[in-house]
Amino acid sequence: MDNKFNTLKFALAGGIWLGVCAFLITLCAIINIPGFRPFAELLVQFYGPYGYSVSLIGALIGSIWGFVEGFVHIGFLGWIYNKLLK
């Protein structure tokens, strides 16, 4: 039985997931839902040098960087998984 899976699709799913999470965290922080501001401030620390801020434009920038980071990291995880099956 071959348990390999498509690394590209796995990476895309991870990128979409982290992009959506960054976008929603920022929107929740903007409308002051309790508990989301500290997470948005963490995103400022990570993505701030690349244009992220707690704003609507920042939410879009954060979702792009979240997608890129998720694509790379989750894709690498999928690649490692497939290599370990050999």
Protein backbone atom coordinates (compact mmCIF):
# COMPACT_ATOMS: atom_id res chain seq x y z
CA MET A 1 0.00 0.00 0.00
CA ASP A 2 1.38 3.38 -1.03
CA ASN A 3 0.77 6.07 1.59
CA LYS A 4 2.40 8.88 -0.36
CA PHE A 5 0.39 11.99 -0.91
CA ASN A 6 0.70 14.93 -3.23
CA THR A 7 3.14 17.35 -1.59
CA LEU A 8 2.02 20.30 -3.71
CA LYS A 9 -1.63 19.90 -2.71
CA PHE A 10 -0.60 19.50 0.93
CA ALA A 11 1.50 22.68 0.71
CA LEU A 12 -1.38 24.58 -0.92
CA ALA A 13 -3.76 23.45 1.82
CA GLY A 14 -1.30 24.57 4.50
CA GLY A 15 -0.77 27.92 2.79
CA ILE A 16 -4.48 28.56 2.46
CA TRP A 17 -5.06 27.58 6.08
CA LEU A 18 -2.38 29.89 7.52
CA GLY A 19 -3.36 32.72 5.18
CA VAL A 20 -6.98 32.54 6.28
CA CYS A 21 -5.93 32.32 9.94
CA ALA A 22 -3.76 35.46 9.67
CA PHE A 23 -6.59 37.30 7.91
CA LEU A 24 -9.22 36.31 10.49
CA ILE A 25 -6.97 37.05 13.47
CA THR A 26 -6.37 40.54 12.12
CA LEU A 27 -10.06 41.17 11.44
CA CYS A 28 -11.02 39.95 14.92
CA ALA A 29 -8.38 42.24 16.45
CA ILE A 30 -9.69 45.21 14.42
CA ILE A 31 -13.25 44.75 15.67
CA ASN A 32 -11.96 44.18 19.23
CA ILE A 33 -13.06 40.61 19.83
CA PRO A 34 -11.51 39.70 23.20
CA GLY A 35 -8.36 37.59 23.06
CA PHE A 36 -7.30 38.28 19.49
CA ARG A 37 -5.20 41.41 20.01
CA PRO A 38 -2.19 39.55 21.49
CA PHE A 39 -2.11 37.21 18.49
CA ALA A 40 -2.28 40.15 16.10
CA GLU A 41 0.60 41.78 17.96
CA LEU A 42 2.62 38.61 17.45
CA LEU A 43 1.91 38.85 13.74
CA VAL A 44 3.17 42.44 13.88
CA GLN A 45 6.45 41.14 15.31
CA PHE A 46 6.80 38.48 12.62
CA TYR A 47 5.41 40.21 9.53
CA GLY A 48 5.70 43.87 10.52
CA PRO A 49 9.01 44.39 8.70
CA TYR A 50 7.28 43.14 5.55
CA GLY A 51 4.35 45.57 5.67
CA TYR A 52 1.91 43.93 8.09
CA SER A 53 -0.08 46.03 10.54
CA VAL A 54 -3.37 45.60 12.39
CA SER A 55 -5.50 47.16 9.67
CA LEU A 56 -7.53 46.04 6.65
CA ILE A 57 -4.52 46.40 4.35
CA GLY A 58 -2.45 44.62 6.99
CA ALA A 59 -4.95 41.76 6.98
CA LEU A 60 -4.37 41.28 3.25
CA ILE A 61 -0.60 41.51 3.63
CA GLY A 62 -0.72 39.09 6.57
CA SER A 63 -2.79 36.63 4.59
CA ILE A 64 -0.25 36.71 1.76
CA TRP A 65 2.68 36.15 4.12
CA GLY A 66 0.69 33.50 5.99
CA PHE A 67 0.08 31.71 2.71
CA VAL A 68 3.76 31.86 1.76
CA GLU A 69 4.92 30.66 5.15
CA GLY A 70 2.32 27.90 5.32
CA PHE A 71 3.11 26.76 1.78
CA VAL A 72 6.84 26.49 2.50
CA HIS A 73 6.67 24.96 5.97
CA ILE A 74 3.77 22.58 5.44
CA GLY A 75 5.11 21.63 2.01
CA PHE A 76 8.47 20.82 3.57
CA LEU A 77 6.70 18.69 6.19
CA GLY A 78 4.88 16.79 3.42
CA TRP A 79 8.13 16.31 1.52
CA ILE A 80 9.80 14.89 4.65
CA TYR A 81 6.83 12.57 5.21
CA ASN A 82 7.11 11.18 1.69
CA LYS A 83 10.90 10.72 2.07
CA LEU A 84 10.45 8.84 5.35
CA LEU A 85 8.11 6.36 3.64
CA LYS A 86 10.94 5.13 1.42
